[in-house]
Amino acid sequence: MRASQLKMQNVKTAWLPQMELSGQASLQSDVPHVGDIPAMPFTIPSASKDQYKVALDVSQTIYDGGRTQLRSQLENLEGELEQTDIETQLQKIREVVTQLFFNVFILEAQKKQLNYISSDLDARLKEMNVALASGAVLKSALSSLKVEQLRLSQRLIAVEQSQKQLLNSLSLFIGREVPSSNELVAPRMSDFTSPIARVEYDKFNLLQSSADAGIKLHQQNRRPVLAAFGQAGYGNPGYNMLNNEFDTFWLVGVKLKWTPWDWKQSRRSREVAEHQKELINFQRESFDLQQKRELLEVSGLAQQYLQFMEKDEEIIELQSEVTDDYRNQLKNGAITSSDYVSELNAEARARLDRDLHELQYLQSLAQQQQVGVIAAQNEESIDR
């Protein structure tokens, strides 16, 4: 914007007096003179062939047909267009930050479920150690649980490392260190109720206005320009060419400049501007279609995740009952540790699916917000 303001100030100087100081020294082969006339009792003087002049020329525009005003308007529009370009880039960065933000919480949900499995395995290992001491179970059953616990530790390390990388990327974008997900506020549905105004529409409007102003400028370039001018200087000779002495001189006046015929340059320029307006309209329509397509896509995803969430609690309840039953059977030695671990993982996956579906639903709302329109949503908040 600072550059645009400077350009506008330059344009407005057209209404300020324009001054030019010049100096000249010359030697010429001949000068106007009158030859000797025998009947004349005196000699008519003539200018010297070496001439010197220093002059100050001043001009002041009186009427320019509205050119300066339109040029100022165009520069102002150009500055606003540059601002929309910056805002568009910032909007893209916000989208990347939003994606990183949700990915961090998705990995946090995975860590939560892995820790849930780990805690349960620790409890089962304690029970199995007691059962092994009494001879109720075989050592292989205990070893199988330990192997599963080690694999779980590997998965947890991978998730933590991935989350660390995401947090580093997020810190880079927001310019502030985010050491852990605890520094972030978990997303809620109320965070995504207000649509974000798409700066692209502002840009299309500005481009249309710029094209209209360009058409007017081409029309007004045909209008006459009226200016006052003046010159003052010192030299030899002055305005009196017959006075071969250094002298001061000055003049003032007005001048009119008008180009009644420009060989259809203005007409062709208007046609180019009209073509640009048609292209801008086409770009706006294409952007509208893209936004509508994205809105339909993310709205469909939001409805899908809502339906998934309705079933998640029922799935978790039923799977928990199965896991509890297998836990009792494991204590009695009726099943192997692998059978139990399989059902425990199934319950953990069900819980993870619920958390993921909640995050994916919120993410779809965030995407709708970024598209610029929020479809009608269930107003009940989702507690994580």
Protein backbone atom coordinates (compact mmCIF):
# COMPACT_ATOMS: atom_id res chain seq x y z
CA MET A 1 0.00 0.00 0.00
CA ARG A 2 2.92 2.35 0.66
CA ALA A 3 4.06 1.99 -2.96
CA SER A 4 0.53 2.75 -4.19
CA GLN A 5 0.36 5.90 -2.06
CA LEU A 6 3.67 7.09 -3.48
CA LYS A 7 2.43 6.47 -7.03
CA MET A 8 -0.77 8.44 -6.31
CA GLN A 9 1.29 11.35 -5.01
CA ASN A 10 3.30 11.28 -8.24
CA VAL A 11 0.11 11.37 -10.30
CA LYS A 12 -1.26 14.35 -8.33
CA THR A 13 1.87 16.38 -9.10
CA ALA A 14 0.35 16.91 -12.55
CA TRP A 15 -1.67 19.76 -10.95
CA LEU A 16 1.44 21.35 -9.45
CA PRO A 17 3.53 23.89 -11.37
CA GLN A 18 6.16 22.18 -13.51
CA MET A 19 9.49 23.98 -13.57
CA GLU A 20 12.54 23.37 -15.72
CA LEU A 21 15.84 25.21 -15.56
CA SER A 22 17.95 25.10 -18.71
CA GLY A 23 21.19 26.61 -19.94
CA GLN A 24 22.68 26.76 -23.39
CA ALA A 25 25.84 28.00 -25.10
CA SER A 26 26.10 27.74 -28.87
CA LEU A 27 28.10 28.86 -31.88
CA GLN A 28 26.28 29.07 -35.19
CA SER A 29 27.37 29.66 -38.76
CA ASP A 30 25.08 32.63 -39.37
CA VAL A 31 22.54 34.93 -37.71
CA PRO A 32 19.80 37.18 -39.06
CA HIS A 33 21.38 40.45 -40.22
CA VAL A 34 20.90 43.32 -42.63
CA GLY A 35 23.63 43.98 -45.16
CA ASP A 36 25.32 47.34 -45.64
CA ILE A 37 23.08 49.97 -47.21
CA PRO A 38 25.10 52.89 -48.65
CA ALA A 39 22.31 55.40 -48.23
CA MET A 40 21.97 54.65 -44.52
CA PRO A 41 23.98 56.92 -42.25
CA PHE A 42 24.28 54.21 -39.54
CA THR A 43 25.01 50.51 -39.28
CA ILE A 44 22.23 48.13 -38.23
CA PRO A 45 23.58 45.86 -35.45
CA SER A 46 23.20 42.06 -35.56
CA ALA A 47 23.34 39.27 -33.01
CA SER A 48 26.60 37.52 -32.27
CA LYS A 49 27.23 34.05 -33.66
CA ASP A 50 28.14 32.84 -30.17
CA GLN A 51 25.03 32.88 -28.00
CA TYR A 52 24.38 32.14 -24.33
CA LYS A 53 21.14 31.62 -22.46
CA VAL A 54 19.92 30.56 -19.02
CA ALA A 55 16.13 30.26 -18.64
CA LEU A 56 13.47 29.02 -16.22
CA ASP A 57 10.36 27.54 -17.85
CA VAL A 58 7.18 27.19 -15.78
CA SER A 59 3.92 25.54 -16.83
CA GLN A 60 0.65 25.04 -14.93
CA THR A 61 -2.16 22.75 -16.07
CA ILE A 62 -5.52 24.50 -16.02
CA TYR A 63 -7.73 21.80 -17.54
CA ASP A 64 -6.77 18.23 -18.48
CA GLY A 65 -10.15 16.67 -19.23
CA GLY A 66 -10.21 14.66 -15.99
CA ARG A 67 -7.09 12.64 -16.82
CA THR A 68 -5.33 13.20 -13.48
CA GLN A 69 -8.41 12.30 -11.47
CA LEU A 70 -8.85 9.04 -13.36
CA ARG A 71 -5.14 8.20 -13.10
CA SER A 72 -5.39 8.71 -9.33
CA GLN A 73 -8.43 6.44 -9.25
CA LEU A 74 -6.57 3.77 -11.22
CA GLU A 75 -3.57 3.96 -8.89
CA ASN A 76 -5.88 3.64 -5.88
CA LEU A 77 -7.52 0.58 -7.44
CA GLU A 78 -4.10 -0.88 -8.21
CA GLY A 79 -3.13 -0.48 -4.54
CA GLU A 80 -6.31 -2.21 -3.41
CA LEU A 81 -5.66 -5.03 -5.88
CA GLU A 82 -2.18 -5.50 -4.43
CA GLN A 83 -3.78 -5.69 -0.98
CA THR A 84 -6.22 -8.38 -2.15
CA ASP A 85 -3.28 -10.38 -3.51
CA ILE A 86 -1.67 -10.25 -0.07
CA GLU A 87 -4.94 -11.26 1.60
CA THR A 88 -5.34 -14.15 -0.86
CA GLN A 89 -1.90 -15.45 0.09
CA LEU A 90 -2.76 -15.07 3.79
CA GLN A 91 -6.00 -16.96 3.19
CA LYS A 92 -4.05 -19.84 1.67
CA ILE A 93 -1.73 -19.83 4.66
CA ARG A 94 -4.75 -19.95 7.00
CA GLU A 95 -6.00 -23.01 5.13
CA VAL A 96 -2.64 -24.73 5.57
CA VAL A 97 -2.59 -23.80 9.27
CA THR A 98 -6.11 -25.17 9.71
CA GLN A 99 -5.07 -28.45 8.08
CA LEU A 100 -2.02 -28.71 10.35
CA PHE A 101 -4.17 -27.83 13.37
CA PHE A 102 -6.64 -30.66 12.75
CA ASN A 103 -3.90 -33.14 11.90
CA VAL A 104 -2.30 -32.44 15.29
CA PHE A 105 -5.57 -33.25 17.05
CA ILE A 106 -6.14 -36.35 14.92
CA LEU A 107 -2.76 -37.67 16.05
CA GLU A 108 -3.63 -36.67 19.59
CA ALA A 109 -6.72 -38.87 19.35
CA GLN A 110 -4.55 -41.73 18.15
CA LYS A 111 -2.18 -41.22 21.08
CA LYS A 112 -5.14 -41.25 23.43
CA GLN A 113 -6.33 -44.62 22.16
CA LEU A 114 -2.82 -46.10 22.16
CA ASN A 115 -2.36 -45.00 25.76
CA TYR A 116 -5.75 -46.55 26.58
CA ILE A 117 -4.60 -49.88 25.15
CA SER A 118 -1.25 -49.56 26.93
CA SER A 119 -2.92 -49.00 30.31
CA ASP A 120 -5.16 -51.99 29.80
CA LEU A 121 -2.21 -54.17 28.75
CA ASP A 122 -0.29 -53.11 31.86
CA ALA A 123 -3.22 -54.21 34.02
CA ARG A 124 -3.49 -57.51 32.16
CA LEU A 125 0.24 -58.14 32.52
CA LYS A 126 -0.01 -57.75 36.30
CA GLU A 127 -2.87 -60.23 36.37
CA MET A 128 -1.02 -62.65 34.09
CA ASN A 129 2.09 -62.50 36.31
CA VAL A 130 -0.03 -63.53 39.28
CA ALA A 131 -1.72 -66.25 37.23
CA LEU A 132 1.67 -67.47 35.95
CA ALA A 133 3.01 -67.74 39.49
CA SER A 134 0.05 -69.92 40.43
CA GLY A 135 0.38 -72.01 37.27
CA ALA A 136 -3.00 -70.92 35.92
CA VAL A 137 -1.57 -69.72 32.58
CA LEU A 138 1.39 -70.55 30.40
CA LYS A 139 4.43 -68.31 30.09
CA SER A 140 3.80 -67.98 26.34
CA ALA A 141 0.56 -66.10 27.09
CA LEU A 142 2.52 -63.60 29.16
CA SER A 143 5.18 -63.27 26.43
CA SER A 144 2.49 -62.64 23.84
CA LEU A 145 1.15 -59.70 25.84
CA LYS A 146 4.68 -58.30 26.27
CA VAL A 147 5.26 -58.49 22.49
CA GLU A 148 2.01 -56.61 21.90
CA GLN A 149 3.04 -53.99 24.43
CA LEU A 150 6.39 -53.47 22.64
CA ARG A 151 4.64 -53.10 19.29
CA LEU A 152 2.32 -50.61 20.89
CA SER A 153 5.32 -48.62 22.11
CA GLN A 154 6.65 -48.49 18.54
CA ARG A 155 3.33 -47.19 17.22
CA LEU A 156 3.24 -44.58 19.97
CA ILE A 157 6.77 -43.40 19.09
CA ALA A 158 5.79 -43.03 15.42
CA VAL A 159 2.66 -41.05 16.29
CA GLU A 160 4.55 -38.76 18.67
CA GLN A 161 7.24 -38.12 16.08
CA SER A 162 4.67 -37.29 13.40
CA GLN A 163 2.89 -34.95 15.80
CA LYS A 164 6.18 -33.27 16.66
CA GLN A 165 6.84 -32.59 12.98
CA LEU A 166 3.37 -31.14 12.55
CA LEU A 167 3.84 -28.90 15.60
CA ASN A 168 7.16 -27.66 14.18
CA SER A 169 5.45 -26.80 10.89
CA LEU A 170 2.61 -25.09 12.73
CA SER A 171 5.09 -23.07 14.79
CA LEU A 172 6.81 -21.98 11.60
CA PHE A 173 3.57 -20.70 10.07
CA ILE A 174 2.20 -18.86 13.10
CA GLY A 175 5.56 -17.45 14.20
CA ARG A 176 5.29 -18.81 17.75
CA GLU A 177 6.64 -22.02 19.22
CA VAL A 178 4.02 -24.67 19.98
CA PRO A 179 5.86 -27.32 22.03
CA SER A 180 2.88 -29.66 22.46
CA SER A 181 -0.78 -30.09 21.58
CA ASN A 182 -1.62 -28.97 25.12
CA GLU A 183 -0.81 -25.44 23.97
CA LEU A 184 -3.70 -25.61 21.47
CA VAL A 185 -7.40 -25.19 22.21
CA ALA A 186 -9.46 -28.11 20.99
CA PRO A 187 -11.83 -27.10 18.17
CA ARG A 188 -15.55 -26.78 18.82
CA MET A 189 -18.50 -26.36 16.51
CA SER A 190 -19.07 -22.77 17.69
CA ASP A 191 -15.69 -21.82 16.19
CA PHE A 192 -17.00 -22.35 12.66
CA THR A 193 -20.38 -20.62 12.61
CA SER A 194 -19.29 -17.45 10.79
CA PRO A 195 -18.32 -17.76 7.11
CA ILE A 196 -15.09 -16.14 5.95
CA ALA A 197 -15.55 -13.48 3.28
CA ARG A 198 -13.74 -14.59 0.14
CA VAL A 199 -11.31 -11.89 -0.89
CA GLU A 200 -11.45 -13.16 -4.48
CA TYR A 201 -14.85 -11.48 -4.95
CA ASP A 202 -13.37 -8.16 -3.84
CA LYS A 203 -10.62 -8.68 -6.39
CA PHE A 204 -13.12 -9.33 -9.19
CA ASN A 205 -15.01 -6.13 -8.28
CA LEU A 206 -11.79 -4.12 -8.22
CA LEU A 207 -10.74 -5.52 -11.61
CA GLN A 208 -14.11 -4.52 -13.07
CA SER A 209 -13.80 -1.02 -11.61
CA SER A 210 -10.25 -0.75 -12.95
CA ALA A 211 -11.39 -1.78 -16.43
CA ASP A 212 -14.25 0.79 -16.34
CA ALA A 213 -11.84 3.52 -15.23
CA GLY A 214 -9.47 2.53 -18.03
CA ILE A 215 -12.27 2.91 -20.59
CA LYS A 216 -13.08 6.38 -19.26
CA LEU A 217 -9.42 7.35 -19.35
CA HIS A 218 -9.15 6.35 -23.03
CA GLN A 219 -12.20 8.50 -23.75
CA GLN A 220 -10.88 11.51 -21.85
CA ASN A 221 -7.46 11.29 -23.51
CA ARG A 222 -9.25 12.75 -26.55
CA ARG A 223 -10.20 15.90 -24.65
CA PRO A 224 -8.14 19.09 -24.99
CA VAL A 225 -5.54 20.16 -22.43
CA LEU A 226 -5.25 23.81 -21.42
CA ALA A 227 -2.16 25.09 -19.62
CA ALA A 228 -0.52 28.37 -18.70
CA PHE A 229 3.19 28.80 -19.25
CA GLY A 230 5.93 31.31 -18.68
CA GLN A 231 9.64 31.76 -19.28
CA ALA A 232 12.19 34.05 -17.71
CA GLY A 233 15.88 34.12 -18.40
CA TYR A 234 19.12 35.92 -19.03
CA GLY A 235 21.33 35.67 -22.10
CA ASN A 236 22.93 37.12 -25.16
CA PRO A 237 20.92 37.88 -27.15
CA GLY A 238 17.59 38.23 -25.37
CA TYR A 239 14.37 38.34 -27.31
CA ASN A 240 15.75 41.35 -29.18
CA MET A 241 17.99 39.62 -31.68
CA LEU A 242 19.49 42.93 -32.81
CA ASN A 243 20.84 43.76 -29.36
CA ASN A 244 24.24 42.10 -29.07
CA GLU A 245 24.36 42.35 -25.27
CA PHE A 246 23.43 40.23 -22.30
CA ASP A 247 19.89 41.02 -21.27
CA THR A 248 16.96 39.63 -19.28
CA PHE A 249 13.84 38.34 -21.02
CA TRP A 250 10.46 36.86 -20.09
CA LEU A 251 7.12 35.82 -21.55
CA VAL A 252 3.80 34.40 -20.30
CA GLY A 253 0.91 32.80 -22.12
CA VAL A 254 -1.58 29.98 -22.43
CA LYS A 255 -1.57 27.01 -24.77
CA LEU A 256 -4.16 24.50 -25.90
CA LYS A 257 -3.35 20.95 -26.98
CA TRP A 258 -5.94 18.73 -28.63
CA THR A 259 -5.69 15.59 -30.71
CA PRO A 260 -8.98 15.37 -32.64
CA TRP A 261 -7.89 12.26 -34.53
CA ASP A 262 -5.83 9.42 -33.04
CA TRP A 263 -6.25 6.86 -35.83
CA LYS A 264 -8.76 4.85 -33.74
CA GLN A 265 -6.28 4.18 -30.91
CA SER A 266 -8.89 5.09 -28.26
CA ARG A 267 -11.48 2.88 -29.92
CA ARG A 268 -9.16 -0.11 -29.99
CA SER A 269 -8.14 0.52 -26.37
CA ARG A 270 -11.80 0.52 -25.33
CA GLU A 271 -12.34 -2.76 -27.16
CA VAL A 272 -9.39 -4.28 -25.29
CA ALA A 273 -10.83 -3.07 -21.97
CA GLU A 274 -14.27 -4.50 -22.83
CA HIS A 275 -12.61 -7.84 -23.63
CA GLN A 276 -10.86 -7.73 -20.25
CA LYS A 277 -14.22 -7.17 -18.53
CA GLU A 278 -15.66 -10.23 -20.27
CA LEU A 279 -12.65 -12.25 -19.14
CA ILE A 280 -13.12 -11.04 -15.55
CA ASN A 281 -16.79 -12.10 -15.65
CA PHE A 282 -15.74 -15.52 -16.93
CA GLN A 283 -13.21 -15.86 -14.09
CA ARG A 284 -15.87 -14.88 -11.54
CA GLU A 285 -18.30 -17.47 -12.90
CA SER A 286 -15.60 -20.15 -12.86
CA PHE A 287 -14.75 -19.28 -9.27
CA ASP A 288 -18.45 -19.45 -8.32
CA LEU A 289 -18.74 -22.93 -9.82
CA GLN A 290 -15.62 -24.05 -7.99
CA GLN A 291 -16.95 -22.72 -4.68
CA LYS A 292 -20.31 -24.42 -5.19
CA ARG A 293 -18.61 -27.72 -6.01
CA GLU A 294 -16.41 -27.50 -2.91
CA LEU A 295 -19.41 -26.59 -0.77
CA LEU A 296 -21.39 -29.58 -2.02
CA GLU A 297 -18.41 -31.84 -1.35
CA VAL A 298 -17.68 -30.69 2.20
CA SER A 299 -21.41 -30.48 3.07
CA GLY A 300 -21.80 -34.10 1.99
CA LEU A 301 -18.82 -35.08 4.13
CA ALA A 302 -20.27 -33.21 7.12
CA GLN A 303 -23.57 -35.11 6.82
CA GLN A 304 -21.67 -38.38 6.43
CA TYR A 305 -19.66 -37.81 9.61
CA LEU A 306 -22.81 -36.83 11.50
CA GLN A 307 -24.37 -40.16 10.56
CA PHE A 308 -21.18 -42.00 11.53
CA MET A 309 -21.20 -40.30 14.93
CA GLU A 310 -24.77 -41.45 15.58
CA LYS A 311 -23.57 -45.07 15.33
CA ASP A 312 -20.19 -44.71 17.07
CA GLU A 313 -21.47 -44.74 20.66
CA GLU A 314 -23.58 -47.81 20.00
CA ILE A 315 -20.58 -49.59 18.45
CA ILE A 316 -18.34 -48.67 21.41
CA GLU A 317 -20.94 -49.90 23.92
CA LEU A 318 -21.33 -53.26 22.21
CA GLN A 319 -17.58 -53.71 21.68
CA SER A 320 -16.90 -52.87 25.33
CA GLU A 321 -19.20 -55.66 26.39
CA VAL A 322 -17.29 -58.08 24.16
CA THR A 323 -13.94 -56.88 25.53
CA ASP A 324 -15.13 -57.28 29.14
CA ASP A 325 -16.26 -60.82 28.41
CA TYR A 326 -12.90 -61.69 26.79
CA ARG A 327 -11.08 -60.11 29.72
CA ASN A 328 -12.84 -62.47 32.15
CA GLN A 329 -12.16 -65.43 29.88
CA LEU A 330 -8.47 -64.50 29.75
CA LYS A 331 -8.31 -64.50 33.55
CA ASN A 332 -9.77 -68.01 33.59
CA GLY A 333 -7.46 -69.21 30.83
CA ALA A 334 -10.36 -69.93 28.50
CA ILE A 335 -8.86 -67.92 25.63
CA THR A 336 -5.40 -66.92 24.48
CA SER A 337 -3.88 -63.50 25.02
CA SER A 338 -4.00 -62.95 21.23
CA ASP A 339 -7.76 -63.39 21.26
CA TYR A 340 -8.08 -60.82 24.00
CA VAL A 341 -5.68 -58.34 22.36
CA SER A 342 -7.65 -58.60 19.13
CA GLU A 343 -10.87 -57.57 20.87
CA LEU A 344 -9.09 -54.88 22.87
CA ASN A 345 -7.75 -53.38 19.65
CA ALA A 346 -11.24 -53.55 18.16
CA GLU A 347 -12.60 -51.51 21.07
CA ALA A 348 -9.74 -49.03 20.77
CA ARG A 349 -10.41 -48.66 17.05
CA ALA A 350 -14.08 -48.00 17.77
CA ARG A 351 -13.17 -45.26 20.24
CA LEU A 352 -10.61 -43.84 17.84
CA ASP A 353 -13.18 -43.87 15.00
CA ARG A 354 -15.54 -41.86 17.21
CA ASP A 355 -12.88 -39.25 17.99
CA LEU A 356 -11.78 -39.11 14.35
CA HIS A 357 -15.34 -38.72 13.10
CA GLU A 358 -15.87 -35.81 15.51
CA LEU A 359 -12.65 -34.16 14.33
CA GLN A 360 -13.47 -34.84 10.67
CA TYR A 361 -16.91 -33.33 11.16
CA LEU A 362 -15.40 -30.19 12.68
CA GLN A 363 -12.83 -30.11 9.91
CA SER A 364 -15.58 -30.22 7.30
CA LEU A 365 -17.23 -27.24 9.06
CA ALA A 366 -13.90 -25.40 8.92
CA GLN A 367 -13.67 -26.14 5.20
CA GLN A 368 -17.21 -24.82 4.68
CA GLN A 369 -16.21 -21.70 6.57
CA GLN A 370 -13.22 -21.24 4.27
CA VAL A 371 -15.40 -21.74 1.20
CA GLY A 372 -17.36 -18.77 2.48
CA VAL A 373 -20.74 -20.35 3.20
CA ILE A 374 -21.93 -22.35 6.20
CA ALA A 375 -24.73 -24.79 5.45
CA ALA A 376 -27.46 -25.37 8.02
CA GLN A 377 -25.92 -27.41 10.81
CA ASN A 378 -27.04 -29.10 13.95
CA GLU A 379 -26.54 -26.46 16.65
CA GLU A 380 -25.64 -28.92 19.38
CA SER A 381 -22.03 -28.57 20.44
CA ILE A 382 -19.78 -31.58 20.29
CA ASP A 383 -17.91 -32.24 23.52
CA ARG A 384 -14.66 -33.97 22.98
